Amino acid sequence: MKRIGVIGVGEIGRALVEGLCGGAGRPPEVFLSPRGARTAAQLSERHEGVRVCAGNQEVVDRSEVVIIAVRPRDRHAALAGLTVPGDRVVINVMSGVGNDDLRRTLATDAALVRAIPLPAVRERRSVTVTHPSHPAADSLFERLGGALPVADEASFNVLSALTGTLTTHYSYLATLISWAAGHGIAPDVADGYVRGLFQGAGRALGDRTRSLRRLAADHETPGGNNERIRTTWFGPAAAEALGKALDDLLAALDRGSA
């Protein structure tokens, strides 16, 4: 694909553009909506071939693939009145907004694909879940780290629910830093140590020869520090509470109300 439009240039829209315009190979032409004008202008100044359009209809008219990345609550105002020809491919990255909902809003016969791009697409190292599989969408996300097409919307929603745990992970790390600071460690020292500790742990995830339970066991000494925290803090009750929170989120996603 040579011409990609992005309607809604927030954090994910920016990450997609930066990923598409970086790396090896000739980047596509990218057409941005005026929504998020400051970010759109910065991207246009930084990357050759990125242009800010006068309106959303111009984005659609000039693109082969159109990425809809507006906030879900803003979609009706942002997309009202758009004419999307049937030969376009529309990639829907709005959380909790199904393709049936989007098709009613756009009143188009164009191919619609849901996707869950994460901020790491800017470094072209994030696998993106898609549904349904479509050559244009899957090719786009392969450029950004990989595409993971799933067979149905139920599976898509399960994986979408998992992405809802990301900021909890960051908050967990922030809590560790605050705890250390409360015990006399300088905040910047605690911050640097915790970041390094978990960056190292994250690299171990690349070893697909060991299951995550095997990795946990390999990092523990019987009766040691890691086992103590795991069994006293993240015991069965905590695991059950996490499962319940994910079940509730999944139910909301299935209803289209997340």
Foldseek 3Di string as FASTA:
>chain_A
DAEEEEEACDLQNLLLLLLQQDDDDHHHQYEYECHVVVSLVVSPVVGPRYYYDPHDLVRQVGGQEYEYDHEVVCVLVRQAPHAHEQRHEYEYAHALQDPVNVCVSRVYNHHYKYKHDDSQLSVLADEIEMPADDVVVQVSNNSSRGYHYDDDVLVVLLVVLVVVCVVVVVVVLVVQLVVVVVVPDPSVVSNVVSVVVVVVVVVVVVPPVDDPVRVLVVPDDVVDDSVVCCCPPVHPVVVVVVVVVSVVSSVCSVVSND
